[in-house]
């Protein structure tokens, strides 16, 4: 039981740090949006994709390092965090891709109508 305490403590500490960092990032992005009074913030999606991608990659690397140290609970929590961040990354990138596709279709339809 005594060997599980540092393992669980490290899992809670690392997961809490990652969640706190993500919340601070989203808070700062919200401040930028608030400062523009709901207008557009240049590079917002790129920064979100970069932050989520780096977060997922670092969680996976930390989990790999923890597997070498034989900390199973901390490794499992990092694997779950990497999976959740990767899913958020897919959702953000998918939504951005859909918006670009929709805008492209709308503009091509407008060009087609103007030609007629």
PDB file of N, CA and C in Angstrom:
ATOM      1  N   UNK A   1       0.816  -1.195   0.000  1.00  0.00           N
ATOM      2  CA  UNK A   1       0.000   0.000   0.000  1.00  0.00           C
ATOM      3  C   UNK A   1       0.856   1.252   0.000  1.00  0.00           C
ATOM      4  N   UNK A   2       1.992   1.202   0.673  1.00  0.00           N
ATOM      5  CA  UNK A   2       2.865   2.377   0.770  1.00  0.00           C
ATOM      6  C   UNK A   2       3.483   2.719  -0.585  1.00  0.00           C
ATOM      7  N   UNK A   3       3.613   1.737  -1.463  1.00  0.00           N
ATOM      8  CA  UNK A   3       4.184   2.021  -2.781  1.00  0.00           C
ATOM      9  C   UNK A   3       3.167   2.690  -3.701  1.00  0.00           C
ATOM     10  N   UNK A   4       1.882   2.555  -3.387  1.00  0.00           N
ATOM     11  CA  UNK A   4       0.846   3.157  -4.230  1.00  0.00           C
ATOM     12  C   UNK A   4       0.670   4.643  -3.950  1.00  0.00           C
ATOM     13  N   UNK A   5       1.031   5.091  -2.760  1.00  0.00           N
ATOM     14  CA  UNK A   5       0.816   6.495  -2.392  1.00  0.00           C
ATOM     15  C   UNK A   5       1.573   7.451  -3.305  1.00  0.00           C
ATOM     16  N   UNK A   6       2.876   7.273  -3.551  1.00  0.00           N
ATOM     17  CA  UNK A   6       3.548   8.201  -4.468  1.00  0.00           C
ATOM     18  C   UNK A   6       3.018   8.095  -5.895  1.00  0.00           C
ATOM     19  N   UNK A   7       2.629   6.880  -6.275  1.00  0.00           N
ATOM     20  CA  UNK A   7       2.096   6.664  -7.619  1.00  0.00           C
ATOM     21  C   UNK A   7       0.793   7.442  -7.816  1.00  0.00           C
ATOM     22  N   UNK A   8      -0.123   7.314  -6.879  1.00  0.00           N
ATOM     23  CA  UNK A   8      -1.410   8.018  -6.969  1.00  0.00           C
ATOM     24  C   UNK A   8      -1.199   9.522  -6.808  1.00  0.00           C
ATOM     25  N   UNK A   9      -0.319   9.917  -5.907  1.00  0.00           N
ATOM     26  CA  UNK A   9      -0.036  11.341  -5.718  1.00  0.00           C
ATOM     27  C   UNK A   9       0.534  11.971  -6.974  1.00  0.00           C
ATOM     28  N   UNK A  10       1.450  11.281  -7.636  1.00  0.00           N
ATOM     29  CA  UNK A  10       2.026  11.795  -8.878  1.00  0.00           C
ATOM     30  C   UNK A  10       0.976  11.854  -9.981  1.00  0.00           C
ATOM     31  N   UNK A  11       0.086  10.874 -10.033  1.00  0.00           N
ATOM     32  CA  UNK A  11      -0.977  10.881 -11.036  1.00  0.00           C
ATOM     33  C   UNK A  11      -1.893  12.088 -10.843  1.00  0.00           C
ATOM     34  N   UNK A  12      -2.276  12.341  -9.598  1.00  0.00           N
ATOM     35  CA  UNK A  12      -3.148  13.481  -9.310  1.00  0.00           C
ATOM     36  C   UNK A  12      -2.429  14.793  -9.596  1.00  0.00           C
ATOM     37  N   UNK A  13      -1.174  14.882  -9.219  1.00  0.00           N
ATOM     38  CA  UNK A  13      -0.401  16.099  -9.420  1.00  0.00           C
ATOM     39  C   UNK A  13      -0.220  16.416 -10.908  1.00  0.00           C
ATOM     40  N   UNK A  14       0.181  15.433 -11.698  1.00  0.00           N
ATOM     41  CA  UNK A  14       0.401  15.670 -13.119  1.00  0.00           C
ATOM     42  C   UNK A  14      -0.899  15.982 -13.854  1.00  0.00           C
ATOM     43  N   UNK A  15      -1.962  15.245 -13.553  1.00  0.00           N
ATOM     44  CA  UNK A  15      -3.246  15.500 -14.213  1.00  0.00           C
ATOM     45  C   UNK A  15      -3.799  16.866 -13.821  1.00  0.00           C
ATOM     46  N   UNK A  16      -3.666  17.205 -12.545  1.00  0.00           N
ATOM     47  CA  UNK A  16      -4.124  18.522 -12.095  1.00  0.00           C
ATOM     48  C   UNK A  16      -3.356  19.650 -12.748  1.00  0.00           C
ATOM     49  N   UNK A  17      -2.050  19.467 -12.911  1.00  0.00           N
ATOM     50  CA  UNK A  17      -1.233  20.488 -13.567  1.00  0.00           C
ATOM     51  C   UNK A  17      -1.657  20.684 -15.020  1.00  0.00           C
ATOM     52  N   UNK A  18      -1.918  19.587 -15.725  1.00  0.00           N
ATOM     53  CA  UNK A  18      -2.321  19.692 -17.131  1.00  0.00           C
ATOM     54  C   UNK A  18      -3.689  20.352 -17.273  1.00  0.00           C
ATOM     55  N   UNK A  19      -4.617  19.998 -16.407  1.00  0.00           N
ATOM     56  CA  UNK A  19      -5.944  20.617 -16.450  1.00  0.00           C
ATOM     57  C   UNK A  19      -5.842  22.104 -16.114  1.00  0.00           C
ATOM     58  N   UNK A  20      -5.038  22.443 -15.114  1.00  0.00           N
ATOM     59  CA  UNK A  20      -4.864  23.853 -14.744  1.00  0.00           C
ATOM     60  C   UNK A  20      -4.229  24.646 -15.877  1.00  0.00           C
ATOM     61  N   UNK A  21      -3.240  24.074 -16.547  1.00  0.00           N
ATOM     62  CA  UNK A  21      -2.600  24.763 -17.671  1.00  0.00           C
ATOM     63  C   UNK A  21      -3.582  24.988 -18.807  1.00  0.00           C
ATOM     64  N   UNK A  22      -4.429  23.997 -19.080  1.00  0.00           N
ATOM     65  CA  UNK A  22      -5.428  24.144 -20.138  1.00  0.00           C
ATOM     66  C   UNK A  22      -6.468  25.199 -19.774  1.00  0.00           C
ATOM     67  N   UNK A  23      -6.875  25.225 -18.514  1.00  0.00           N
ATOM     68  CA  UNK A  23      -7.831  26.249 -18.077  1.00  0.00           C
ATOM     69  C   UNK A  23      -7.239  27.655 -18.160  1.00  0.00           C
ATOM     70  N   UNK A  24      -5.981  27.808 -17.787  1.00  0.00           N
ATOM     71  CA  UNK A  24      -5.319  29.113 -17.896  1.00  0.00           C
ATOM     72  C   UNK A  24      -5.224  29.529 -19.361  1.00  0.00           C
ATOM     73  N   UNK A  25      -4.885  28.589 -20.235  1.00  0.00           N
ATOM     74  CA  UNK A  25      -4.812  28.900 -21.662  1.00  0.00           C
ATOM     75  C   UNK A  25      -6.165  29.371 -22.185  1.00  0.00           C
ATOM     76  N   UNK A  26      -7.236  28.631 -21.854  1.00  0.00           N
ATOM     77  CA  UNK A  26      -8.572  29.027 -22.322  1.00  0.00           C
ATOM     78  C   UNK A  26      -9.020  30.352 -21.705  1.00  0.00           C
ATOM     79  N   UNK A  27      -8.630  30.620 -20.467  1.00  0.00           N
ATOM     80  CA  UNK A  27      -8.957  31.890 -19.838  1.00  0.00           C
ATOM     81  C   UNK A  27      -8.276  33.041 -20.571  1.00  0.00           C
ATOM     82  N   UNK A  28      -7.001  32.869 -20.896  1.00  0.00           N
ATOM     83  CA  UNK A  28      -6.280  33.916 -21.616  1.00  0.00           C
ATOM     84  C   UNK A  28      -6.844  34.126 -23.019  1.00  0.00           C
ATOM     85  N   UNK A  29      -7.229  33.045 -23.674  1.00  0.00           N
ATOM     86  CA  UNK A  29      -7.863  33.181 -24.988  1.00  0.00           C
ATOM     87  C   UNK A  29      -9.209  33.896 -24.860  1.00  0.00           C
ATOM     88  N   UNK A  30      -9.942  33.618 -23.792  1.00  0.00           N
ATOM     89  CA  UNK A  30     -11.204  34.309 -23.544  1.00  0.00           C
ATOM     90  C   UNK A  30     -11.004  35.790 -23.274  1.00  0.00           C
ATOM     91  N   UNK A  31      -9.902  36.130 -22.582  1.00  0.00           N
ATOM     92  CA  UNK A  31      -9.589  37.541 -22.358  1.00  0.00           C
ATOM     93  C   UNK A  31      -9.314  38.256 -23.673  1.00  0.00           C
ATOM     94  N   UNK A  32      -8.616  37.595 -24.575  1.00  0.00           N
ATOM     95  CA  UNK A  32      -8.364  38.194 -25.886  1.00  0.00           C
ATOM     96  C   UNK A  32      -9.669  38.411 -26.637  1.00  0.00           C
ATOM     97  N   UNK A  33     -10.566  37.445 -26.556  1.00  0.00           N
ATOM     98  CA  UNK A  33     -11.867  37.577 -27.208  1.00  0.00           C
ATOM     99  C   UNK A  33     -12.680  38.684 -26.553  1.00  0.00           C
ATOM    100  N   UNK A  34     -12.616  38.793 -25.248  1.00  0.00           N
ATOM    101  CA  UNK A  34     -13.327  39.847 -24.535  1.00  0.00           C
ATOM    102  C   UNK A  34     -12.775  41.223 -24.897  1.00  0.00           C
ATOM    103  N   UNK A  35     -11.451  41.316 -25.061  1.00  0.00           N
ATOM    104  CA  UNK A  35     -10.826  42.596 -25.391  1.00  0.00           C
ATOM    105  C   UNK A  35     -11.246  43.084 -26.774  1.00  0.00           C
ATOM    106  N   UNK A  36     -11.549  42.159 -27.674  1.00  0.00           N
ATOM    107  CA  UNK A  36     -12.011  42.562 -29.005  1.00  0.00           C
ATOM    108  C   UNK A  36     -13.529  42.694 -29.058  1.00  0.00           C
ATOM    109  N   UNK A  37     -14.175  42.578 -27.895  1.00  0.00           N
ATOM    110  CA  UNK A  37     -15.632  42.684 -27.772  1.00  0.00           C
ATOM    111  C   UNK A  37     -16.367  41.681 -28.669  1.00  0.00           C
ATOM    112  N   UNK A  38     -15.868  40.450 -28.663  1.00  0.00           N
ATOM    113  CA  UNK A  38     -16.517  39.384 -29.412  1.00  0.00           C
ATOM    114  C   UNK A  38     -16.108  39.324 -30.860  1.00  0.00           C
ATOM    115  N   UNK A  39     -15.161  40.157 -31.259  1.00  0.00           N
ATOM    116  CA  UNK A  39     -14.685  40.140 -32.643  1.00  0.00           C
ATOM    117  C   UNK A  39     -13.758  38.959 -32.886  1.00  0.00           C
ATOM    118  N   UNK A  40     -13.083  39.003 -34.011  1.00  0.00           N
ATOM    119  CA  UNK A  40     -12.182  37.906 -34.332  1.00  0.00           C
ATOM    120  C   UNK A  40     -10.816  38.150 -33.701  1.00  0.00           C
ATOM    121  N   UNK A  41     -10.208  37.062 -33.288  1.00  0.00           N
ATOM    122  CA  UNK A  41      -8.859  37.087 -32.731  1.00  0.00           C
ATOM    123  C   UNK A  41      -7.973  36.324 -33.711  1.00  0.00           C
ATOM    124  N   UNK A  42      -7.010  37.007 -34.335  1.00  0.00           N
ATOM    125  CA  UNK A  42      -6.177  36.325 -35.330  1.00  0.00           C
ATOM    126  C   UNK A  42      -5.363  35.188 -34.713  1.00  0.00           C
ATOM    127  N   UNK A  43      -5.355  34.043 -35.375  1.00  0.00           N
ATOM    128  CA  UNK A  43      -4.547  32.910 -34.936  1.00  0.00           C
ATOM    129  C   UNK A  43      -5.108  32.136 -33.763  1.00  0.00           C
ATOM    130  N   UNK A  44      -6.354  32.368 -33.417  1.00  0.00           N
ATOM    131  CA  UNK A  44      -6.928  31.708 -32.235  1.00  0.00           C
ATOM    132  C   UNK A  44      -6.990  30.191 -32.410  1.00  0.00           C
ATOM    133  N   UNK A  45      -7.445  29.740 -33.557  1.00  0.00           N
ATOM    134  CA  UNK A  45      -7.565  28.302 -33.781  1.00  0.00           C
ATOM    135  C   UNK A  45      -6.193  27.652 -33.861  1.00  0.00           C
ATOM    136  N   UNK A  46      -5.242  28.314 -34.496  1.00  0.00           N
ATOM    137  CA  UNK A  46      -3.897  27.756 -34.583  1.00  0.00           C
ATOM    138  C   UNK A  46      -3.281  27.582 -33.208  1.00  0.00           C
ATOM    139  N   UNK A  47      -3.485  28.567 -32.338  1.00  0.00           N
ATOM    140  CA  UNK A  47      -2.941  28.450 -30.984  1.00  0.00           C
ATOM    141  C   UNK A  47      -3.615  27.322 -30.218  1.00  0.00           C
ATOM    142  N   UNK A  48      -4.927  27.160 -30.413  1.00  0.00           N
ATOM    143  CA  UNK A  48      -5.641  26.077 -29.728  1.00  0.00           C
ATOM    144  C   UNK A  48      -5.156  24.717 -30.210  1.00  0.00           C
ATOM    145  N   UNK A  49      -4.991  24.571 -31.512  1.00  0.00           N
ATOM    146  CA  UNK A  49      -4.514  23.307 -32.064  1.00  0.00           C
ATOM    147  C   UNK A  49      -3.099  23.017 -31.578  1.00  0.00           C
ATOM    148  N   UNK A  50      -2.255  24.039 -31.548  1.00  0.00           N
ATOM    149  CA  UNK A  50      -0.890  23.851 -31.069  1.00  0.00           C
ATOM    150  C   UNK A  50      -0.870  23.457 -29.592  1.00  0.00           C
ATOM    151  N   UNK A  51      -1.661  24.131 -28.773  1.00  0.00           N
ATOM    152  CA  UNK A  51      -1.687  23.824 -27.341  1.00  0.00           C
ATOM    153  C   UNK A  51      -2.207  22.414 -27.085  1.00  0.00           C
ATOM    154  N   UNK A  52      -3.271  22.022 -27.771  1.00  0.00           N
ATOM    155  CA  UNK A  52      -3.817  20.678 -27.566  1.00  0.00           C
ATOM    156  C   UNK A  52      -2.876  19.607 -28.103  1.00  0.00           C
ATOM    157  N   UNK A  53      -2.250  19.873 -29.223  1.00  0.00           N
ATOM    158  CA  UNK A  53      -1.301  18.907 -29.778  1.00  0.00           C
ATOM    159  C   UNK A  53      -0.089  18.717 -28.891  1.00  0.00           C
ATOM    160  N   UNK A  54       0.466  19.826 -28.404  1.00  0.00           N
ATOM    161  CA  UNK A  54       1.615  19.718 -27.505  1.00  0.00           C
ATOM    162  C   UNK A  54       1.228  19.070 -26.178  1.00  0.00           C
ATOM    163  N   UNK A  55       0.014  19.367 -25.702  1.00  0.00           N
ATOM    164  CA  UNK A  55      -0.443  18.751 -24.464  1.00  0.00           C
ATOM    165  C   UNK A  55      -0.601  17.244 -24.588  1.00  0.00           C
ATOM    166  N   UNK A  56      -1.187  16.804 -25.701  1.00  0.00           N
ATOM    167  CA  UNK A  56      -1.362  15.364 -25.910  1.00  0.00           C
ATOM    168  C   UNK A  56      -0.022  14.669 -26.078  1.00  0.00           C
ATOM    169  N   UNK A  57       0.880  15.285 -26.828  1.00  0.00           N
ATOM    170  CA  UNK A  57       2.200  14.679 -27.042  1.00  0.00           C
ATOM    171  C   UNK A  57       2.998  14.624 -25.741  1.00  0.00           C
ATOM    172  N   UNK A  58       2.942  15.691 -24.962  1.00  0.00           N
ATOM    173  CA  UNK A  58       3.710  15.676 -23.712  1.00  0.00           C
ATOM    174  C   UNK A  58       3.128  14.678 -22.715  1.00  0.00           C
ATOM    175  N   UNK A  59       1.804  14.531 -22.688  1.00  0.00           N
ATOM    176  CA  UNK A  59       1.200  13.530 -21.802  1.00  0.00           C
ATOM    177  C   UNK A  59       1.624  12.125 -22.198  1.00  0.00           C
ATOM    178  N   UNK A  60       1.656  11.876 -23.496  1.00  0.00           N
ATOM    179  CA  UNK A  60       2.079  10.554 -23.963  1.00  0.00           C
ATOM    180  C   UNK A  60       3.547  10.291 -23.618  1.00  0.00           C
ATOM    181  N   UNK A  61       4.391  11.309 -23.791  1.00  0.00           N
ATOM    182  CA  UNK A  61       5.808  11.138 -23.467  1.00  0.00           C
ATOM    183  C   UNK A  61       6.031  10.959 -21.969  1.00  0.00           C
ATOM    184  N   UNK A  62       5.293  11.713 -21.172  1.00  0.00           N
ATOM    185  CA  UNK A  62       5.404  11.556 -19.721  1.00  0.00           C
ATOM    186  C   UNK A  62       4.929  10.163 -19.308  1.00  0.00           C
ATOM    187  N   UNK A  63       3.838   9.700 -19.910  1.00  0.00           N
ATOM    188  CA  UNK A  63       3.349   8.352 -19.625  1.00  0.00           C
ATOM    189  C   UNK A  63       4.356   7.289 -19.990  1.00  0.00           C
ATOM    190  N   UNK A  64       5.048   7.484 -21.113  1.00  0.00           N
ATOM    191  CA  UNK A  64       6.087   6.535 -21.502  1.00  0.00           C
ATOM    192  C   UNK A  64       7.225   6.543 -20.491  1.00  0.00           C
ATOM    193  N   UNK A  65       7.605   7.730 -20.034  1.00  0.00           N
ATOM    194  CA  UNK A  65       8.657   7.816 -19.025  1.00  0.00           C
ATOM    195  C   UNK A  65       8.245   7.182 -17.706  1.00  0.00           C
ATOM    196  N   UNK A  66       6.977   7.324 -17.360  1.00  0.00           N
ATOM    197  CA  UNK A  66       6.489   6.726 -16.115  1.00  0.00           C
ATOM    198  C   UNK A  66       6.418   5.207 -16.205  1.00  0.00           C
ATOM    199  N   UNK A  67       6.250   4.672 -17.418  1.00  0.00           N
ATOM    200  CA  UNK A  67       6.233   3.220 -17.555  1.00  0.00           C
ATOM    201  C   UNK A  67       7.619   2.644 -17.265  1.00  0.00           C
ATOM    202  N   UNK A  68       8.655   3.410 -17.593  1.00  0.00           N
ATOM    203  CA  UNK A  68      10.010   2.961 -17.286  1.00  0.00           C
ATOM    204  C   UNK A  68      10.272   3.004 -15.785  1.00  0.00           C
ATOM    205  N   UNK A  69       9.568   3.899 -15.065  1.00  0.00           N
ATOM    206  CA  UNK A  69       9.751   4.017 -13.614  1.00  0.00           C
ATOM    207  C   UNK A  69       8.805   3.094 -12.847  1.00  0.00           C
ATOM    208  N   UNK A  70       8.000   2.310 -13.553  1.00  0.00           N
ATOM    209  CA  UNK A  70       7.071   1.353 -12.950  1.00  0.00           C
ATOM    210  C   UNK A  70       6.026   2.039 -12.050  1.00  0.00           C
ATOM    211  N   UNK A  71       5.484   3.146 -12.524  1.00  0.00           N
ATOM    212  CA  UNK A  71       4.396   3.847 -11.834  1.00  0.00           C
ATOM    213  C   UNK A  71       3.130   3.657 -12.669  1.00  0.00           C
ATOM    214  N   UNK A  72       2.379   2.597 -12.370  1.00  0.00           N
ATOM    215  CA  UNK A  72       1.283   2.197 -13.250  1.00  0.00           C
ATOM    216  C   UNK A  72       0.088   3.150 -13.199  1.00  0.00           C
ATOM    217  N   UNK A  73      -0.262   3.642 -12.031  1.00  0.00           N
ATOM    218  CA  UNK A  73      -1.428   4.534 -11.925  1.00  0.00           C
ATOM    219  C   UNK A  73      -1.133   5.861 -12.606  1.00  0.00           C
ATOM    220  N   UNK A  74       0.043   6.415 -12.391  1.00  0.00           N
ATOM    221  CA  UNK A  74       0.421   7.674 -13.027  1.00  0.00           C
ATOM    222  C   UNK A  74       0.504   7.496 -14.543  1.00  0.00           C
ATOM    223  N   UNK A  75       1.012   6.363 -14.982  1.00  0.00           N
ATOM    224  CA  UNK A  75       1.088   6.087 -16.422  1.00  0.00           C
ATOM    225  C   UNK A  75      -0.297   5.997 -17.029  1.00  0.00           C
ATOM    226  N   UNK A  76      -1.209   5.332 -16.346  1.00  0.00           N
ATOM    227  CA  UNK A  76      -2.576   5.202 -16.858  1.00  0.00           C
ATOM    228  C   UNK A  76      -3.277   6.564 -16.902  1.00  0.00           C
ATOM    229  N   UNK A  77      -3.056   7.395 -15.881  1.00  0.00           N
ATOM    230  CA  UNK A  77      -3.694   8.713 -15.881  1.00  0.00           C
ATOM    231  C   UNK A  77      -3.140   9.582 -17.005  1.00  0.00           C
ATOM    232  N   UNK A  78      -1.855   9.468 -17.292  1.00  0.00           N
ATOM    233  CA  UNK A  78      -1.278  10.232 -18.399  1.00  0.00           C
ATOM    234  C   UNK A  78      -1.779   9.725 -19.743  1.00  0.00           C
ATOM    235  N   UNK A  79      -2.006   8.416 -19.857  1.00  0.00           N
ATOM    236  CA  UNK A  79      -2.569   7.874 -21.090  1.00  0.00           C
ATOM    237  C   UNK A  79      -3.990   8.392 -21.304  1.00  0.00           C
ATOM    238  N   UNK A  80      -4.768   8.458 -20.235  1.00  0.00           N
ATOM    239  CA  UNK A  80      -6.132   8.988 -20.340  1.00  0.00           C
ATOM    240  C   UNK A  80      -6.108  10.467 -20.698  1.00  0.00           C
ATOM    241  N   UNK A  81      -5.207  11.242 -20.079  1.00  0.00           N
ATOM    242  CA  UNK A  81      -5.098  12.663 -20.397  1.00  0.00           C
ATOM    243  C   UNK A  81      -4.679  12.863 -21.848  1.00  0.00           C
ATOM    244  N   UNK A  82      -3.734  12.051 -22.330  1.00  0.00           N
ATOM    245  CA  UNK A  82      -3.300  12.164 -23.723  1.00  0.00           C
ATOM    246  C   UNK A  82      -4.459  11.851 -24.665  1.00  0.00           C
ATOM    247  N   UNK A  83      -5.258  10.851 -24.326  1.00  0.00           N
ATOM    248  CA  UNK A  83      -6.406  10.492 -25.150  1.00  0.00           C
ATOM    249  C   UNK A  83      -7.447  11.604 -25.163  1.00  0.00           C
ATOM    250  N   UNK A  84      -7.744  12.177 -24.002  1.00  0.00           N
ATOM    251  CA  UNK A  84      -8.726  13.261 -23.936  1.00  0.00           C
ATOM    252  C   UNK A  84      -8.259  14.501 -24.695  1.00  0.00           C
ATOM    253  N   UNK A  85      -6.993  14.852 -24.550  1.00  0.00           N
ATOM    254  CA  UNK A  85      -6.462  16.005 -25.282  1.00  0.00           C
ATOM    255  C   UNK A  85      -6.445  15.745 -26.783  1.00  0.00           C
ATOM    256  N   UNK A  86      -6.155  14.523 -27.183  1.00  0.00           N
ATOM    257  CA  UNK A  86      -6.189  14.187 -28.610  1.00  0.00           C
ATOM    258  C   UNK A  86      -7.614  14.264 -29.156  1.00  0.00           C
ATOM    259  N   UNK A  87      -8.595  13.828 -28.366  1.00  0.00           N
ATOM    260  CA  UNK A  87      -9.990  13.942 -28.806  1.00  0.00           C
ATOM    261  C   UNK A  87     -10.414  15.403 -28.923  1.00  0.00           C
ATOM    262  N   UNK A  88      -9.998  16.236 -27.968  1.00  0.00           N
ATOM    263  CA  UNK A  88     -10.281  17.673 -28.076  1.00  0.00           C
ATOM    264  C   UNK A  88      -9.611  18.265 -29.305  1.00  0.00           C
ATOM    265  N   UNK A  89      -8.409  17.836 -29.596  1.00  0.00           N
ATOM    266  CA  UNK A  89      -7.700  18.307 -30.775  1.00  0.00           C
ATOM    267  C   UNK A  89      -8.454  17.934 -32.043  1.00  0.00           C
ATOM    268  N   UNK A  90      -8.952  16.713 -32.107  1.00  0.00           N
ATOM    269  CA  UNK A  90      -9.713  16.268 -33.275  1.00  0.00           C
ATOM    270  C   UNK A  90     -10.991  17.092 -33.421  1.00  0.00           C
ATOM    271  N   UNK A  91     -11.661  17.360 -32.310  1.00  0.00           N
ATOM    272  CA  UNK A  91     -12.885  18.165 -32.374  1.00  0.00           C
ATOM    273  C   UNK A  91     -12.607  19.586 -32.845  1.00  0.00           C
ATOM    274  N   UNK A  92     -11.567  20.216 -32.317  1.00  0.00           N
ATOM    275  CA  UNK A  92     -11.242  21.600 -32.707  1.00  0.00           C
ATOM    276  C   UNK A  92     -10.825  21.652 -34.172  1.00  0.00           C
ATOM    277  N   UNK A  93      -9.940  20.741 -34.577  1.00  0.00           N
ATOM    278  CA  UNK A  93      -9.473  20.740 -35.958  1.00  0.00           C
ATOM    279  C   UNK A  93     -10.600  20.363 -36.921  1.00  0.00           C
ATOM    280  N   UNK A  94     -11.461  19.437 -36.517  1.00  0.00           N
ATOM    281  CA  UNK A  94     -12.593  19.059 -37.364  1.00  0.00           C
ATOM    282  C   UNK A  94     -13.575  20.189 -37.555  1.00  0.00           C
ATOM    283  N   UNK A  95     -13.843  20.924 -36.490  1.00  0.00           N
ATOM    284  CA  UNK A  95     -14.753  22.060 -36.593  1.00  0.00           C
ATOM    285  C   UNK A  95     -14.160  23.143 -37.491  1.00  0.00           C
ATOM    286  N   UNK A  96     -12.873  23.407 -37.336  1.00  0.00           N
ATOM    287  CA  UNK A  96     -12.210  24.407 -38.181  1.00  0.00           C
ATOM    288  C   UNK A  96     -12.218  23.981 -39.643  1.00  0.00           C
ATOM    289  N   UNK A  97     -11.955  22.703 -39.895  1.00  0.00           N
ATOM    290  CA  UNK A  97     -11.992  22.188 -41.261  1.00  0.00           C
ATOM    291  C   UNK A  97     -13.379  22.284 -41.860  1.00  0.00           C
ATOM    292  N   UNK A  98     -14.398  21.982 -41.072  1.00  0.00           N
ATOM    293  CA  UNK A  98     -15.770  22.089 -41.558  1.00  0.00           C
ATOM    294  C   UNK A  98     -16.125  23.543 -41.881  1.00  0.00           C
ATOM    295  N   UNK A  99     -15.698  24.479 -41.042  1.00  0.00           N
ATOM    296  CA  UNK A  99     -15.955  25.896 -41.322  1.00  0.00           C
ATOM    297  C   UNK A  99     -15.288  26.338 -42.614  1.00  0.00           C
ATOM    298  N   UNK A 100     -14.040  25.914 -42.829  1.00  0.00           N
ATOM    299  CA  UNK A 100     -13.340  26.264 -44.078  1.00  0.00           C
ATOM    300  C   UNK A 100     -14.065  25.662 -45.280  1.00  0.00           C
ATOM    301  N   UNK A 101     -14.491  24.408 -45.163  1.00  0.00           N
ATOM    302  CA  UNK A 101     -15.201  23.742 -46.253  1.00  0.00           C
ATOM    303  C   UNK A 101     -16.514  24.446 -46.547  1.00  0.00           C
ATOM    304  N   UNK A 102     -17.256  24.823 -45.516  1.00  0.00           N
ATOM    305  CA  UNK A 102     -18.538  25.504 -45.688  1.00  0.00           C
ATOM    306  C   UNK A 102     -18.348  26.869 -46.337  1.00  0.00           C
ATOM    307  N   UNK A 103     -17.320  27.600 -45.918  1.00  0.00           N
ATOM    308  CA  UNK A 103     -17.042  28.911 -46.507  1.00  0.00           C
ATOM    309  C   UNK A 103     -16.658  28.765 -47.979  1.00  0.00           C
ATOM    310  N   UNK A 104     -15.847  27.759 -48.293  1.00  0.00           N
ATOM    311  CA  UNK A 104     -15.455  27.526 -49.678  1.00  0.00           C
ATOM    312  C   UNK A 104     -16.666  27.205 -50.547  1.00  0.00           C
ATOM    313  N   UNK A 105     -17.555  26.356 -50.047  1.00  0.00           N
ATOM    314  CA  UNK A 105     -18.763  26.004 -50.817  1.00  0.00           C
ATOM    315  C   UNK A 105     -19.658  27.215 -51.017  1.00  0.00           C
ATOM    316  N   UNK A 106     -19.806  28.040 -49.983  1.00  0.00           N
ATOM    317  CA  UNK A 106     -20.644  29.228 -50.076  1.00  0.00           C
ATOM    318  C   UNK A 106     -20.077  30.204 -51.105  1.00  0.00           C
ATOM    319  N   UNK A 107     -18.771  30.428 -51.069  1.00  0.00           N
ATOM    320  CA  UNK A 107     -18.154  31.359 -52.015  1.00  0.00           C
ATOM    321  C   UNK A 107     -18.217  30.844 -53.434  1.00  0.00           C
ATOM    322  N   UNK A 108     -18.029  29.541 -53.635  1.00  0.00           N
ATOM    323  CA  UNK A 108     -18.107  28.998 -54.997  1.00  0.00           C
ATOM    324  C   UNK A 108     -19.536  29.081 -55.520  1.00  0.00           C
ATOM    325  N   UNK A 109     -20.512  28.903 -54.639  1.00  0.00           N
ATOM    326  CA  UNK A 109     -21.904  29.044 -55.076  1.00  0.00           C
ATOM    327  C   UNK A 109     -22.202  30.491 -55.454  1.00  0.00           C
ATOM    328  N   UNK A 110     -21.681  31.455 -54.699  1.00  0.00           N
ATOM    329  CA  UNK A 110     -21.865  32.864 -55.054  1.00  0.00           C
ATOM    330  C   UNK A 110     -21.215  33.193 -56.388  1.00  0.00           C
ATOM    331  N   UNK A 111     -20.011  32.684 -56.638  1.00  0.00           N
ATOM    332  CA  UNK A 111     -19.351  32.925 -57.930  1.00  0.00           C
ATOM    333  C   UNK A 111     -20.148  32.309 -59.074  1.00  0.00           C
ATOM    334  N   UNK A 112     -20.667  31.119 -58.866  1.00  0.00           N
ATOM    335  CA  UNK A 112     -21.451  30.452 -59.888  1.00  0.00           C
ATOM    336  C   UNK A 112     -22.710  31.238 -60.198  1.00  0.00           C
ATOM    337  N   UNK A 113     -23.372  31.775 -59.159  1.00  0.00           N
ATOM    338  CA  UNK A 113     -24.595  32.571 -59.368  1.00  0.00           C
ATOM    339  C   UNK A 113     -24.287  33.889 -60.063  1.00  0.00           C
ATOM    340  N   UNK A 114     -23.141  34.493 -59.792  1.00  0.00           N
ATOM    341  CA  UNK A 114     -22.788  35.754 -60.437  1.00  0.00           C
ATOM    342  C   UNK A 114     -22.525  35.577 -61.911  1.00  0.00           C
ATOM    343  N   UNK A 115     -21.994  34.424 -62.294  1.00  0.00           N
ATOM    344  CA  UNK A 115     -21.713  34.156 -63.711  1.00  0.00           C
ATOM    345  C   UNK A 115     -22.981  34.024 -64.533  1.00  0.00           C
ATOM    346  N   UNK A 116     -24.057  33.626 -63.920  1.00  0.00           N
ATOM    347  CA  UNK A 116     -25.317  33.401 -64.671  1.00  0.00           C
ATOM    348  C   UNK A 116     -25.965  34.659 -65.013  1.00  0.00           C
TER     349      UNK A 116
END
